[in-house]
């Protein structure tokens, strides 16, 4: 499945992982579990999680930690695929 197809599929997904002030380490295991159940997960980064970083940087780091790929980032939301 290509990146464009994954972006289309992600469009209608609801956010199921929220990253807050505890940072990406707090949601690592949850994201990994969700990626086992379905191959595409939408992650929302709250303002408190973004202190000094961009959503793109945070999404890349979180995806690397759970061995996944970043499909896209838009606004405060990232989509990861495994």
N, C-alpha and C. Protein backbone atom coordinates (compact mmCIF):
# COMPACT_ATOMS: atom_id res chain seq x y z
N UNK A 1 0.86 -1.18 0.00
CA UNK A 1 0.00 0.00 0.00
C UNK A 1 0.90 1.23 0.00
N UNK A 2 0.66 2.15 -0.92
CA UNK A 2 1.48 3.35 -1.04
C UNK A 2 1.13 4.41 -0.01
N UNK A 3 2.01 5.39 0.11
CA UNK A 3 1.81 6.47 1.07
C UNK A 3 0.52 7.24 0.80
N UNK A 4 0.21 7.46 -0.48
CA UNK A 4 -1.01 8.19 -0.81
C UNK A 4 -2.25 7.41 -0.38
N UNK A 5 -2.24 6.10 -0.58
CA UNK A 5 -3.36 5.26 -0.14
C UNK A 5 -3.50 5.28 1.38
N UNK A 6 -2.37 5.25 2.07
CA UNK A 6 -2.40 5.30 3.53
C UNK A 6 -2.95 6.63 4.02
N UNK A 7 -2.59 7.73 3.36
CA UNK A 7 -3.11 9.05 3.75
C UNK A 7 -4.62 9.11 3.56
N UNK A 8 -5.10 8.52 2.47
CA UNK A 8 -6.56 8.49 2.22
C UNK A 8 -7.26 7.69 3.31
N UNK A 9 -6.69 6.55 3.65
CA UNK A 9 -7.27 5.70 4.69
C UNK A 9 -7.25 6.41 6.05
N UNK A 10 -6.19 7.15 6.33
CA UNK A 10 -6.04 7.84 7.62
C UNK A 10 -6.99 9.01 7.76
N UNK A 11 -7.46 9.54 6.66
CA UNK A 11 -8.31 10.74 6.70
C UNK A 11 -9.52 10.56 7.59
N UNK A 12 -10.16 9.41 7.53
CA UNK A 12 -11.38 9.16 8.30
C UNK A 12 -11.13 8.52 9.66
N UNK A 13 -9.87 8.26 10.00
CA UNK A 13 -9.57 7.67 11.31
C UNK A 13 -9.75 8.68 12.42
N UNK A 14 -10.16 8.18 13.58
CA UNK A 14 -10.21 9.02 14.78
C UNK A 14 -8.86 8.94 15.47
N UNK A 15 -8.53 9.98 16.20
CA UNK A 15 -7.31 9.97 17.02
C UNK A 15 -7.51 8.98 18.16
N UNK A 16 -6.55 8.08 18.33
CA UNK A 16 -6.67 7.09 19.41
C UNK A 16 -5.53 7.18 20.40
N UNK A 17 -4.50 8.00 20.11
CA UNK A 17 -3.39 8.19 21.03
C UNK A 17 -3.17 9.69 21.20
N UNK A 18 -3.17 10.15 22.45
CA UNK A 18 -2.92 11.56 22.75
C UNK A 18 -1.63 11.65 23.54
N UNK A 19 -0.73 12.53 23.10
CA UNK A 19 0.53 12.75 23.79
C UNK A 19 0.42 14.06 24.54
N UNK A 20 0.61 14.00 25.86
CA UNK A 20 0.50 15.19 26.69
C UNK A 20 1.82 15.55 27.34
N UNK A 21 1.73 16.17 28.51
CA UNK A 21 2.94 16.68 29.17
C UNK A 21 3.89 15.59 29.62
N UNK A 22 3.43 14.36 29.71
CA UNK A 22 4.33 13.25 30.09
C UNK A 22 5.24 12.84 28.95
N UNK A 23 4.95 13.30 27.74
CA UNK A 23 5.81 13.05 26.59
C UNK A 23 5.53 11.74 25.88
N UNK A 24 6.36 11.48 24.87
CA UNK A 24 6.11 10.32 24.02
C UNK A 24 6.43 9.00 24.71
N UNK A 25 7.30 9.03 25.71
CA UNK A 25 7.63 7.80 26.44
C UNK A 25 6.42 7.20 27.12
N UNK A 26 5.48 8.06 27.52
CA UNK A 26 4.29 7.59 28.23
C UNK A 26 3.30 6.86 27.33
N UNK A 27 3.40 7.06 26.02
CA UNK A 27 2.42 6.44 25.11
C UNK A 27 3.05 5.40 24.20
N UNK A 28 4.33 5.20 24.35
CA UNK A 28 5.06 4.27 23.49
C UNK A 28 4.43 2.88 23.45
N UNK A 29 4.19 2.30 24.61
CA UNK A 29 3.64 0.95 24.69
C UNK A 29 2.21 0.90 24.13
N UNK A 30 1.41 1.91 24.45
CA UNK A 30 0.03 1.96 23.94
C UNK A 30 0.01 2.02 22.42
N UNK A 31 0.87 2.85 21.84
CA UNK A 31 0.94 2.95 20.38
C UNK A 31 1.37 1.63 19.77
N UNK A 32 2.35 1.00 20.36
CA UNK A 32 2.82 -0.29 19.85
C UNK A 32 1.70 -1.33 19.87
N UNK A 33 0.95 -1.36 20.97
CA UNK A 33 -0.19 -2.29 21.07
C UNK A 33 -1.23 -2.00 19.99
N UNK A 34 -1.53 -0.74 19.78
CA UNK A 34 -2.53 -0.39 18.77
C UNK A 34 -2.05 -0.73 17.36
N UNK A 35 -0.76 -0.56 17.11
CA UNK A 35 -0.23 -0.90 15.79
C UNK A 35 -0.25 -2.40 15.53
N UNK A 36 -0.23 -3.20 16.59
CA UNK A 36 -0.37 -4.64 16.43
C UNK A 36 -1.78 -5.01 15.98
N UNK A 37 -2.77 -4.27 16.49
CA UNK A 37 -4.17 -4.54 16.17
C UNK A 37 -4.57 -3.99 14.81
N UNK A 38 -4.08 -2.82 14.48
CA UNK A 38 -4.38 -2.23 13.17
C UNK A 38 -3.11 -1.55 12.69
N UNK A 39 -2.95 -1.46 11.39
CA UNK A 39 -1.68 -1.00 10.85
C UNK A 39 -1.53 0.51 10.77
N UNK A 40 -2.57 1.26 11.10
CA UNK A 40 -2.54 2.71 10.96
C UNK A 40 -3.13 3.37 12.20
N UNK A 41 -2.37 4.29 12.82
CA UNK A 41 -2.84 4.94 14.05
C UNK A 41 -2.59 6.44 13.94
N UNK A 42 -3.58 7.21 14.38
CA UNK A 42 -3.48 8.66 14.39
C UNK A 42 -3.14 9.12 15.81
N UNK A 43 -2.13 10.00 15.91
CA UNK A 43 -1.62 10.48 17.19
C UNK A 43 -1.76 11.99 17.26
N UNK A 44 -2.33 12.48 18.36
CA UNK A 44 -2.49 13.93 18.56
C UNK A 44 -1.51 14.39 19.61
N UNK A 45 -0.78 15.47 19.30
CA UNK A 45 0.19 16.05 20.23
C UNK A 45 -0.41 17.31 20.85
N UNK A 46 -0.66 17.25 22.15
CA UNK A 46 -1.19 18.41 22.85
C UNK A 46 -0.09 19.46 23.01
N UNK A 47 -0.47 20.68 23.26
CA UNK A 47 0.49 21.78 23.37
C UNK A 47 1.58 21.49 24.39
N UNK A 48 1.21 20.88 25.51
CA UNK A 48 2.18 20.61 26.58
C UNK A 48 3.25 19.60 26.15
N UNK A 49 2.97 18.79 25.14
CA UNK A 49 3.93 17.80 24.67
C UNK A 49 4.93 18.39 23.69
N UNK A 50 4.58 19.52 23.10
CA UNK A 50 5.39 20.08 22.02
C UNK A 50 6.44 21.08 22.49
N UNK A 51 6.66 21.22 23.76
CA UNK A 51 7.58 22.24 24.30
C UNK A 51 8.93 22.20 23.59
N UNK A 52 9.16 23.15 22.71
CA UNK A 52 10.45 23.26 22.02
C UNK A 52 10.66 22.32 20.86
N UNK A 53 9.70 21.49 20.52
CA UNK A 53 9.84 20.56 19.40
C UNK A 53 8.69 20.76 18.42
N UNK A 54 8.89 20.29 17.21
CA UNK A 54 7.81 20.33 16.22
C UNK A 54 7.06 19.01 16.24
N UNK A 55 5.87 19.03 15.70
CA UNK A 55 5.07 17.80 15.60
C UNK A 55 5.80 16.79 14.71
N UNK A 56 6.44 17.28 13.67
CA UNK A 56 7.17 16.39 12.76
C UNK A 56 8.30 15.66 13.50
N UNK A 57 9.06 16.39 14.32
CA UNK A 57 10.16 15.78 15.08
C UNK A 57 9.62 14.75 16.07
N UNK A 58 8.57 15.11 16.78
CA UNK A 58 8.00 14.21 17.77
C UNK A 58 7.42 12.95 17.12
N UNK A 59 6.76 13.12 15.99
CA UNK A 59 6.17 11.97 15.29
C UNK A 59 7.27 11.03 14.81
N UNK A 60 8.35 11.59 14.24
CA UNK A 60 9.48 10.77 13.77
C UNK A 60 10.11 9.99 14.92
N UNK A 61 10.31 10.67 16.05
CA UNK A 61 10.94 10.01 17.20
C UNK A 61 10.04 8.90 17.76
N UNK A 62 8.75 9.18 17.88
CA UNK A 62 7.81 8.18 18.39
C UNK A 62 7.73 6.99 17.45
N UNK A 63 7.68 7.24 16.15
CA UNK A 63 7.63 6.15 15.17
C UNK A 63 8.89 5.29 15.25
N UNK A 64 10.03 5.92 15.40
CA UNK A 64 11.29 5.17 15.50
C UNK A 64 11.30 4.28 16.74
N UNK A 65 10.75 4.77 17.83
CA UNK A 65 10.73 4.00 19.08
C UNK A 65 9.86 2.76 18.99
N UNK A 66 8.80 2.80 18.16
CA UNK A 66 7.89 1.65 18.05
C UNK A 66 8.08 0.90 16.73
N UNK A 67 9.18 1.20 16.02
CA UNK A 67 9.50 0.54 14.76
C UNK A 67 8.37 0.68 13.74
N UNK A 68 7.98 1.92 13.49
CA UNK A 68 6.91 2.22 12.53
C UNK A 68 7.38 3.33 11.59
N UNK A 69 6.57 3.61 10.60
CA UNK A 69 6.87 4.67 9.63
C UNK A 69 5.87 5.80 9.78
N UNK A 70 6.34 7.01 9.53
CA UNK A 70 5.45 8.17 9.54
C UNK A 70 4.78 8.27 8.18
N UNK A 71 3.46 8.32 8.16
CA UNK A 71 2.72 8.48 6.92
C UNK A 71 2.61 9.96 6.60
N UNK A 72 2.18 10.76 7.59
CA UNK A 72 2.09 12.20 7.40
C UNK A 72 1.92 12.89 8.74
N UNK A 73 2.18 14.19 8.73
CA UNK A 73 1.86 15.03 9.87
C UNK A 73 1.07 16.21 9.33
N UNK A 74 0.09 16.62 10.10
CA UNK A 74 -0.73 17.76 9.70
C UNK A 74 -1.21 18.44 10.97
N UNK A 75 -0.88 19.71 11.10
CA UNK A 75 -1.27 20.43 12.30
C UNK A 75 -0.60 19.81 13.51
N UNK A 76 -1.39 19.42 14.49
CA UNK A 76 -0.88 18.81 15.72
C UNK A 76 -1.05 17.29 15.71
N UNK A 77 -1.26 16.72 14.54
CA UNK A 77 -1.57 15.30 14.43
C UNK A 77 -0.56 14.61 13.52
N UNK A 78 -0.17 13.41 13.91
CA UNK A 78 0.68 12.57 13.08
C UNK A 78 0.02 11.23 12.85
N UNK A 79 0.35 10.61 11.73
CA UNK A 79 -0.18 9.29 11.40
C UNK A 79 1.01 8.34 11.22
N UNK A 80 0.97 7.21 11.93
CA UNK A 80 2.05 6.23 11.83
C UNK A 80 1.50 4.89 11.33
N UNK A 81 2.38 4.14 10.67
CA UNK A 81 2.00 2.88 10.03
C UNK A 81 3.07 1.84 10.31
N UNK A 82 2.61 0.62 10.54
CA UNK A 82 3.56 -0.48 10.69
C UNK A 82 3.12 -1.61 9.79
